[in-house]
Each structure stands twice: as C-alpha cells, then as structure tokens.
Amino acid sequence: MKYDIVIVGGGLAGLAFACALKESRLKIALVEGRAPSRPEGWDARIYAISPANARFLADIGVWKHLDAGRMAPVRAMEVYGDGDSRLDFSAYQSGVPELAWILESSLMAQELWENVKRQGNVDILCPATPRELEFRADATLLHLEDGSSLSARLLVGADGRESWVRNRAGLAAHYSPYGEKGLVANFSTEKPHGDIAYQWFRDDGVLAYLPLPGNRISIVWSTPDTHADALAALPAEELCARVAAAGNHTLGQLELLTPAAAFALKLMRVPEPTAPRLALIGDAAHGIHPLSGHGINLGYRDAKTLAEIIAAAAPWQDIGDARLLARYRRARKEEVMLLQTTTDGLRRLFREDLPGLKPLRNLGLNLVNRLGPVKSALVRYALES
C-alpha cells in the first residue's frame, strides 16, 4: 500500500501529528500495536500542558472534547529549595488565566485516537507490528509482521524512548542515566490545593504536587533508585504519611487513590532526529528530566512544527527530502537543547553536595524570586512552549 506519510507509534505525539494534518490531502497510515484505553479511577500518568499546547490541541479539534471535569488549571506555582528559599509564579500577576493545565495521559490519548479515527485521510493499522525497514531513493518501505508492506514518501517515528524506528534507521541516541526513578501516584488531600502546583528540591530528590480536580493531587517524586523502590513498596498508609511529610503537610493528610509506580529517569540526546525520508518526534527524538514538566509539551511542539512544515510545502516538493526535513531539525534544535540543558543543570545543582553550594543555590532562588523581569521572562517562556 502506498502512502504519503506512515507514522509508527500511536502515542500522544504521533496522534497529534496525524490530527494536525487533517486538512491536508496527504494519505497517511498510522501503525500501532494497541489502541489506548482508560484505567479505572484516575490515571497515575499525568502531564502539565502549557497554554500554547492547549491552543494547539484546540486547533486540531481535540481540546473541546476533553472532559473538563477531569482537568485542573494551575493558577500558581510555589517552588522551594533545600534551604530557606522560595520561588513563586502566579497566573494573575502574569496576566493570564492559568499557567498550565493538568491532564491524564489516557484522557488525551483516547480523544486523540477518536479524532484520528474520524479523519478521512488516515488509515489506522492496529494491532500492527513493524518487522523490517527499507530505505530507497524515492520511498521508505515498512514491512509488518503480518506480511504486508507500506510504502511512504516520509516515515515518522513516534514510537517512544526505545524507538524501533530510530534503532532500525541507525540514528544514534546518547543516554545519561540519572540513577534515579520517578515515583508517580495520585492522592486525595485533606486541604484544598487552590489550583496551586508545588515543587520541593530536597536532599533526596525533587517532589512535585500537581493539582487534580477536587481535593486530589498527582505527585512525581524524582529520587535515587533505591529510595524510589523503597517508597513504591510501602503500604498505602505509610506511603501517604511519607509523601505528606515530604511536602511539609502543606495539604494535610493524604489518601492513596492509585498504586505507586516508579520509572527510570535518564537524559537522552539524539543528535540527528532526521534522515532522508525519516523524522523522529516526541520521546523518540529526545528525553529530559521530568522536573520541568515539559516532556509531552516538547512532543506536541515537534508534531506541530513538522506538520506545519509539511503542510506549507509546495505541491512539487518531496516531503521526504532531506533538505525539507532539515528545516524541522533546525526549528526544534534550540528549544530541545535549552530544556535538556536547563533541567539537567537544575537537577545537578540541587544534587551536588559541594561545600558552600547549598547556600549559594538557595540565594539564587530567592534572588530570582525578587527580580520581576527575570520571573516574567521565565513565565513567558513556559506559557509559549
């Protein structure tokens, strides 16, 4: 079967990319192993969506279909150092309705999936598993396990951190393991969170409270492997007590809503996310520390940028041409590198135990909190990313 574009991976970035091309005349295939599903109760995998990406999801027809009762705005954010330091951000002071939206991954995935199913220019091949990849001068051939083959002018790898497409194409990925895991879980809270997100830089890692609708929060605790595993193994009541204490009992007593899970954290750089007839997006193209909450925001920006470049191509242009795809690579390089460097630097700054460093980093946090223009610049970047 011949297509203009074949997308391997039906996660958030791959689905968003397909939706962003809904108005095009391009014939698209989406290859995915299984359709997204919703867990019972609340999904422990939560994302903070920037206002810019909320607008992107609105533009591609997804946002209006999301259940507003399962979304929470972030009106303010309080960041605490590992000493007597604090940094505050306020939507009101920044002149915007909210700093971000907190959403379940599966909520977005299912609505994106339904949107793609309604698109007339997309064929969904699911369940389907790639077997071989073959690059030719005029097309990429993707052979599937069922014996069928797909031909595309452009192949888009959106198949996650351990991308099969990236590996088969021979594109290098450089990993820097942090020796940490991200512990995630959802809780009900004794006190209302007031649409405030909290983050603590602690001696044992970085803890974030993210507001959910009602008196509920989701947490991400980035902490050394052994500590994360020990926390995940705790009985529910003891885990609640530990998480509440780590957050200085800001929201009172906690009650566990979802089982705790821990996933390994590592920085991943992909020097060349494009090749002739191939582009990588989302987690296949980069990996960052979760302390910034920008993981899926980068993926959505990848999808938006690549879709805009392809949609703007003249009818005579080859959308798989390396020169065209180089525009996507250049457009995304600066933001990805900046966020990777910033999050990695912050993580190292608060993990290093060098003499005199602790008071210095906390002084810096307090200084930024007092410098209005610097804070405003940070908020503007977060809103637009």
Protein backbone atom coordinates (compact mmCIF):
# COMPACT_ATOMS: atom_id res chain seq x y z
CA MET A 1 0.00 0.00 0.00
CA LYS A 2 1.28 3.44 -0.92
CA TYR A 3 1.05 6.44 1.41
CA ASP A 4 2.46 9.92 1.61
CA ILE A 5 3.25 9.50 5.32
CA VAL A 6 3.48 6.46 7.57
CA ILE A 7 3.53 7.17 11.32
CA VAL A 8 4.90 4.42 13.54
CA GLY A 9 3.55 4.91 17.05
CA GLY A 10 0.10 5.91 18.22
CA GLY A 11 1.13 7.74 21.39
CA LEU A 12 0.32 11.38 22.12
CA ALA A 13 2.88 12.91 19.74
CA GLY A 14 2.13 10.58 16.83
CA LEU A 15 -1.63 11.02 17.15
CA ALA A 16 -1.32 14.80 17.47
CA PHE A 17 0.84 14.90 14.34
CA ALA A 18 -1.80 12.97 12.39
CA CYS A 19 -4.55 15.28 13.66
CA ALA A 20 -2.52 18.35 12.68
CA LEU A 21 -2.64 17.18 9.05
CA LYS A 22 -6.40 16.63 8.98
CA GLU A 23 -6.93 19.43 6.43
CA SER A 24 -4.22 18.19 4.07
CA ARG A 25 -4.66 15.99 1.02
CA LEU A 26 -1.93 13.68 2.19
CA LYS A 27 -2.69 9.98 2.54
CA ILE A 28 -1.50 8.82 5.97
CA ALA A 29 -1.14 5.47 7.72
CA LEU A 30 -0.81 5.09 11.49
CA VAL A 31 0.84 1.88 12.73
CA GLU A 32 0.22 0.97 16.38
CA GLY A 33 0.33 -2.18 18.47
CA ARG A 34 -2.76 -1.46 20.58
CA ALA A 35 -5.41 1.20 20.95
CA PRO A 36 -5.30 3.45 24.04
CA SER A 37 -7.52 2.58 26.98
CA ARG A 38 -8.69 4.29 30.15
CA PRO A 39 -7.89 2.84 33.57
CA GLU A 40 -10.47 2.63 36.30
CA GLY A 41 -10.40 5.67 38.54
CA TRP A 42 -7.59 8.12 37.89
CA ASP A 43 -4.60 7.63 35.61
CA ALA A 44 -1.30 7.94 37.51
CA ARG A 45 0.42 9.20 34.36
CA ILE A 46 -0.26 12.94 34.43
CA TYR A 47 1.03 15.78 32.27
CA ALA A 48 1.23 19.54 32.71
CA ILE A 49 0.10 21.06 29.42
CA SER A 50 1.29 24.57 28.60
CA PRO A 51 -1.23 27.16 27.34
CA ALA A 52 0.50 27.13 23.93
CA ASN A 53 -0.07 23.39 23.60
CA ALA A 54 -3.62 23.70 24.90
CA ARG A 55 -4.19 26.06 21.95
CA PHE A 56 -2.55 23.52 19.64
CA LEU A 57 -4.90 20.78 20.88
CA ALA A 58 -7.81 23.19 20.36
CA ASP A 59 -6.65 23.97 16.82
CA ILE A 60 -6.57 20.28 15.87
CA GLY A 61 -10.07 19.72 17.29
CA VAL A 62 -9.21 17.80 20.46
CA TRP A 63 -9.43 20.20 23.40
CA LYS A 64 -13.18 20.84 23.18
CA HIS A 65 -13.89 17.11 23.51
CA LEU A 66 -11.84 16.59 26.67
CA ASP A 67 -13.80 16.05 29.88
CA ALA A 68 -13.44 19.33 31.78
CA GLY A 69 -14.32 17.52 34.99
CA ARG A 70 -11.01 15.63 34.78
CA MET A 71 -8.80 18.64 34.11
CA ALA A 72 -7.34 21.12 36.59
CA PRO A 73 -5.80 24.53 35.91
CA VAL A 74 -2.59 25.65 37.57
CA ARG A 75 -3.22 29.21 38.81
CA ALA A 76 0.01 29.48 40.78
CA MET A 77 3.21 27.58 41.49
CA GLU A 78 5.40 27.51 44.59
CA VAL A 79 8.96 26.19 44.32
CA TYR A 80 11.05 25.55 47.43
CA GLY A 81 14.81 25.00 47.57
CA ASP A 82 16.57 22.70 50.02
CA GLY A 83 17.20 25.66 52.33
CA ASP A 84 15.34 28.83 53.24
CA SER A 85 14.48 29.75 49.65
CA ARG A 86 11.34 30.05 47.57
CA LEU A 87 10.21 30.98 44.07
CA ASP A 88 6.58 31.85 43.28
CA PHE A 89 4.72 32.14 39.99
CA SER A 90 1.20 33.50 39.64
CA ALA A 91 -1.13 33.43 36.64
CA TYR A 92 -2.87 36.56 37.93
CA GLN A 93 0.38 38.51 38.19
CA SER A 94 1.36 37.28 34.74
CA GLY A 95 -1.93 38.46 33.25
CA VAL A 96 -3.10 35.02 32.09
CA PRO A 97 -5.97 32.74 33.21
CA GLU A 98 -3.68 29.80 34.05
CA LEU A 99 -0.03 28.77 33.91
CA ALA A 100 -0.81 25.23 32.75
CA TRP A 101 -3.44 22.50 32.69
CA ILE A 102 -3.04 19.15 34.46
CA LEU A 103 -4.45 16.23 32.44
CA GLU A 104 -4.33 12.47 32.48
CA SER A 105 -2.28 10.95 29.68
CA SER A 106 -5.01 8.43 28.84
CA LEU A 107 -7.65 11.17 28.65
CA MET A 108 -5.71 12.92 25.90
CA ALA A 109 -4.69 9.67 24.19
CA GLN A 110 -8.23 8.39 23.86
CA GLU A 111 -9.61 11.64 22.48
CA LEU A 112 -6.73 12.00 20.03
CA TRP A 113 -7.36 8.41 18.93
CA GLU A 114 -11.05 9.09 18.35
CA ASN A 115 -10.18 12.21 16.38
CA VAL A 116 -7.81 10.28 14.13
CA LYS A 117 -10.45 7.59 13.59
CA ARG A 118 -12.77 10.28 12.24
CA GLN A 119 -10.17 11.59 9.79
CA GLY A 120 -10.80 10.68 6.19
CA ASN A 121 -7.13 10.84 5.19
CA VAL A 122 -5.80 8.39 7.82
CA ASP A 123 -5.78 4.59 7.80
CA ILE A 124 -5.24 3.11 11.28
CA LEU A 125 -3.41 -0.21 11.24
CA CYS A 126 -3.93 -1.64 14.73
CA PRO A 127 -2.86 -4.05 16.03
CA ALA A 128 0.22 -4.00 13.81
CA THR A 129 3.91 -4.64 14.49
CA PRO A 130 6.82 -3.42 12.34
CA ARG A 131 9.26 -6.11 11.19
CA GLU A 132 11.68 -4.56 8.68
CA LEU A 133 12.54 -1.12 7.40
CA GLU A 134 13.95 -0.39 3.96
CA PHE A 135 15.04 3.00 2.63
CA ARG A 136 15.00 3.71 -1.09
CA ALA A 137 15.71 6.84 -3.07
CA ASP A 138 12.04 7.62 -3.66
CA ALA A 139 10.31 5.92 -0.72
CA THR A 140 10.59 4.14 2.62
CA LEU A 141 9.25 0.59 2.83
CA LEU A 142 7.88 -0.63 6.14
CA HIS A 143 7.28 -4.37 6.35
CA LEU A 144 4.87 -5.57 9.04
CA GLU A 145 4.75 -8.85 10.94
CA ASP A 146 1.55 -9.88 9.15
CA GLY A 147 3.45 -9.91 5.83
CA SER A 148 2.03 -6.65 4.46
CA SER A 149 4.21 -3.74 3.33
CA LEU A 150 3.69 0.01 3.38
CA SER A 151 5.39 2.49 1.07
CA ALA A 152 5.74 6.12 2.16
CA ARG A 153 7.41 9.27 0.96
CA LEU A 154 8.02 10.09 4.63
CA LEU A 155 8.25 7.81 7.67
CA VAL A 156 7.66 9.43 11.07
CA GLY A 157 9.00 7.64 14.15
CA ALA A 158 6.76 8.42 17.11
CA ASP A 159 7.34 5.14 18.92
CA GLY A 160 8.79 6.29 22.22
CA ARG A 161 12.05 6.34 24.13
CA GLU A 162 13.21 2.92 22.93
CA SER A 163 12.16 3.71 19.35
CA TRP A 164 12.24 0.74 16.99
CA VAL A 165 12.30 3.14 14.04
CA ARG A 166 15.28 5.09 15.37
CA ASN A 167 17.23 1.93 16.07
CA ARG A 168 16.48 0.34 12.69
CA ALA A 169 17.38 3.56 10.89
CA GLY A 170 20.74 3.65 12.69
CA LEU A 171 20.19 7.07 14.28
CA ALA A 172 22.29 7.42 17.41
CA ALA A 173 20.81 8.08 20.85
CA HIS A 174 23.12 9.07 23.70
CA TYR A 175 21.86 8.16 27.17
CA SER A 176 22.93 9.63 30.51
CA PRO A 177 21.22 7.62 33.28
CA TYR A 178 20.46 9.67 36.38
CA GLY A 179 20.46 6.73 38.78
CA GLU A 180 17.00 7.95 39.74
CA LYS A 181 13.40 6.93 39.25
CA GLY A 182 10.26 8.99 39.03
CA LEU A 183 7.70 7.79 41.57
CA VAL A 184 4.14 8.64 40.49
CA ALA A 185 0.83 8.25 42.31
CA ASN A 186 -2.44 10.10 42.92
CA PHE A 187 -3.86 11.12 46.29
CA SER A 188 -6.89 12.76 47.81
CA THR A 189 -6.00 15.63 50.14
CA GLU A 190 -7.34 16.85 53.47
CA LYS A 191 -6.99 20.50 52.45
CA PRO A 192 -7.91 22.10 49.10
CA HIS A 193 -4.94 22.77 46.82
CA GLY A 194 -6.36 26.01 45.44
CA ASP A 195 -5.12 25.20 41.92
CA ILE A 196 -1.54 25.58 43.15
CA ALA A 197 1.30 23.33 42.00
CA TYR A 198 4.12 22.75 44.47
CA GLN A 199 7.71 21.64 43.95
CA TRP A 200 10.35 20.90 46.57
CA PHE A 201 14.06 20.44 45.85
CA ARG A 202 15.00 18.05 48.64
CA ASP A 203 18.12 16.22 49.75
CA ASP A 204 16.52 13.01 48.41
CA GLY A 205 15.35 14.41 45.06
CA VAL A 206 12.61 16.60 43.63
CA LEU A 207 8.99 16.25 44.74
CA ALA A 208 6.09 17.84 42.84
CA TYR A 209 2.42 18.11 43.80
CA LEU A 210 0.20 18.70 40.74
CA PRO A 211 -3.44 19.70 41.27
CA LEU A 212 -6.24 17.45 40.03
CA PRO A 213 -9.97 18.29 40.11
CA GLY A 214 -11.43 18.44 43.61
CA ASN A 215 -9.25 17.71 46.60
CA ARG A 216 -6.88 15.50 44.62
CA ILE A 217 -3.27 15.70 43.53
CA SER A 218 -0.81 13.75 41.44
CA ILE A 219 2.79 13.54 42.55
CA VAL A 220 6.10 12.97 40.82
CA TRP A 221 8.99 12.26 43.18
CA SER A 222 12.31 12.05 41.32
CA THR A 223 14.62 10.27 43.71
CA PRO A 224 17.54 7.78 43.74
CA ASP A 225 16.67 4.26 42.58
CA THR A 226 16.84 2.58 45.98
CA HIS A 227 14.72 5.25 47.65
CA ALA A 228 12.13 5.14 44.85
CA ASP A 229 11.88 1.35 45.06
CA ALA A 230 11.53 1.52 48.84
CA LEU A 231 8.75 4.11 48.57
CA ALA A 232 6.90 2.08 45.92
CA ALA A 233 6.99 -0.97 48.20
CA LEU A 234 5.48 0.82 51.22
CA PRO A 235 1.95 0.03 52.44
CA ALA A 236 -0.53 2.69 51.31
CA GLU A 237 -0.91 4.32 54.71
CA GLU A 238 2.83 4.66 55.24
CA LEU A 239 3.40 5.99 51.70
CA CYS A 240 0.74 8.64 52.31
CA ALA A 241 2.47 9.69 55.52
CA ARG A 242 5.89 9.88 53.81
CA VAL A 243 4.59 11.94 50.87
CA ALA A 244 2.66 14.29 53.18
CA ALA A 245 5.71 14.81 55.39
CA ALA A 246 7.99 15.40 52.37
CA GLY A 247 5.58 18.14 51.27
CA ASN A 248 5.65 19.70 54.76
CA HIS A 249 1.99 18.67 55.28
CA THR A 250 1.03 21.56 53.01
CA LEU A 251 -2.24 19.83 52.06
CA GLY A 252 -2.75 17.94 55.30
CA GLN A 253 -3.26 14.19 55.38
CA LEU A 254 -3.24 12.23 52.14
CA GLU A 255 -5.14 9.16 50.98
CA LEU A 256 -3.83 6.99 48.14
CA LEU A 257 -6.02 6.85 45.02
CA THR A 258 -3.76 4.91 42.64
CA PRO A 259 -0.93 2.43 43.30
CA ALA A 260 2.53 4.00 43.22
CA ALA A 261 4.71 3.21 40.22
CA ALA A 262 8.35 4.08 39.52
CA PHE A 263 10.09 4.53 36.16
CA ALA A 264 13.77 5.02 35.39
CA LEU A 265 14.96 8.54 34.55
CA LYS A 266 17.64 9.33 32.00
CA LEU A 267 18.68 12.13 29.72
CA MET A 268 18.57 11.16 26.06
CA ARG A 269 20.05 13.21 23.25
CA VAL A 270 19.50 12.35 19.59
CA PRO A 271 21.99 14.43 17.55
CA GLU A 272 20.23 13.75 14.25
CA PRO A 273 16.44 13.33 14.58
CA THR A 274 16.04 13.34 10.80
CA ALA A 275 17.41 11.46 7.81
CA PRO A 276 16.30 11.22 4.18
CA ARG A 277 12.61 10.16 4.30
CA LEU A 278 12.60 9.95 8.10
CA ALA A 279 11.76 12.25 11.01
CA LEU A 280 11.53 11.49 14.73
CA ILE A 281 9.10 13.23 17.08
CA GLY A 282 8.26 13.03 20.78
CA ASP A 283 10.15 10.68 23.07
CA ALA A 284 11.77 9.01 20.06
CA ALA A 285 13.62 12.29 19.44
CA HIS A 286 14.58 13.40 22.97
CA GLY A 287 14.33 12.70 26.68
CA ILE A 288 14.52 15.17 29.59
CA HIS A 289 14.27 15.13 33.37
CA PRO A 290 10.61 15.43 34.49
CA LEU A 291 11.25 18.28 36.94
CA SER A 292 10.22 20.85 34.30
CA GLY A 293 7.03 19.01 33.31
CA HIS A 294 7.83 19.72 29.66
CA GLY A 295 8.15 16.17 28.29
CA ILE A 296 4.93 15.95 26.31
CA ASN A 297 4.97 19.68 25.59
CA LEU A 298 8.15 19.12 23.58
CA GLY A 299 6.44 16.24 21.78
CA TYR A 300 3.43 18.34 20.86
CA ARG A 301 5.71 21.12 19.62
CA ASP A 302 7.52 18.55 17.47
CA ALA A 303 4.20 17.42 15.99
CA LYS A 304 3.01 20.97 15.34
CA THR A 305 6.29 22.12 13.78
CA LEU A 306 6.69 19.11 11.49
CA ALA A 307 3.05 19.28 10.39
CA GLU A 308 3.34 22.99 9.58
CA ILE A 309 6.49 22.48 7.50
CA ILE A 310 4.90 19.63 5.56
CA ALA A 311 1.60 21.47 5.05
CA ALA A 312 3.47 24.53 3.76
CA ALA A 313 5.45 22.53 1.20
CA ALA A 314 4.67 23.28 -2.43
CA PRO A 315 2.88 20.53 -4.38
CA TRP A 316 6.05 19.83 -6.35
CA GLN A 317 8.20 19.43 -3.22
CA ASP A 318 9.13 15.98 -1.93
CA ILE A 319 8.07 15.83 1.74
CA GLY A 320 10.70 13.18 2.41
CA ASP A 321 13.56 15.24 1.03
CA ALA A 322 16.41 15.72 3.49
CA ARG A 323 16.56 19.46 2.81
CA LEU A 324 12.93 19.93 3.78
CA LEU A 325 13.31 17.79 6.89
CA ALA A 326 16.41 19.80 7.86
CA ARG A 327 14.06 22.75 8.44
CA TYR A 328 12.25 20.71 11.09
CA ARG A 329 15.53 19.69 12.71
CA ARG A 330 16.75 23.29 12.88
CA ALA A 331 13.39 24.58 14.14
CA ARG A 332 13.35 22.16 17.08
CA LYS A 333 17.04 22.03 17.98
CA GLU A 334 17.25 25.18 20.13
CA GLU A 335 14.23 24.54 22.36
CA VAL A 336 15.06 20.87 22.92
CA MET A 337 18.69 21.64 23.74
CA LEU A 338 17.74 24.53 26.03
CA LEU A 339 15.30 22.46 28.07
CA GLN A 340 17.59 19.45 28.25
CA THR A 341 20.47 21.62 29.44
CA THR A 342 18.34 23.62 31.90
CA THR A 343 16.62 20.65 33.53
CA ASP A 344 19.84 18.65 33.67
CA GLY A 345 21.66 21.62 35.16
CA LEU A 346 18.99 22.25 37.82
CA ARG A 347 18.95 18.61 38.76
CA ARG A 348 22.73 18.56 39.14
CA LEU A 349 22.76 21.88 41.00
CA PHE A 350 20.46 20.56 43.71
CA ARG A 351 22.01 17.08 43.85
CA GLU A 352 25.65 18.15 44.24
CA ASP A 353 26.85 18.37 47.85
CA LEU A 354 29.90 20.58 47.41
CA PRO A 355 30.96 22.88 50.27
CA GLY A 356 29.22 26.25 50.08
CA LEU A 357 26.94 25.25 47.19
CA LYS A 358 23.73 24.83 49.19
CA PRO A 359 23.52 28.42 50.49
CA LEU A 360 24.58 29.73 47.09
CA ARG A 361 21.86 27.91 45.13
CA ASN A 362 19.20 28.91 47.65
CA LEU A 363 20.38 32.51 47.49
CA GLY A 364 19.99 32.32 43.72
CA LEU A 365 16.43 31.00 44.02
CA ASN A 366 15.48 33.86 46.37
CA LEU A 367 17.18 36.37 44.10
CA VAL A 368 15.20 35.22 41.04
CA ASN A 369 12.03 35.47 43.14
CA ARG A 370 12.75 39.15 43.76
CA LEU A 371 13.67 40.01 40.17
CA GLY A 372 10.37 40.74 38.44
CA PRO A 373 11.72 40.88 34.85
CA VAL A 374 13.52 37.55 35.24
CA LYS A 375 10.42 35.87 36.65
CA SER A 376 8.30 37.34 33.86
CA ALA A 377 10.71 36.01 31.24
CA LEU A 378 10.54 32.52 32.78
CA VAL A 379 6.73 32.61 32.82
CA ARG A 380 6.51 33.86 29.22
CA TYR A 381 8.75 31.02 28.05
CA ALA A 382 6.67 28.44 29.94
CA LEU A 383 3.43 29.80 28.51
CA GLU A 384 4.70 29.76 24.93
CA SER A 385 6.41 26.36 24.98
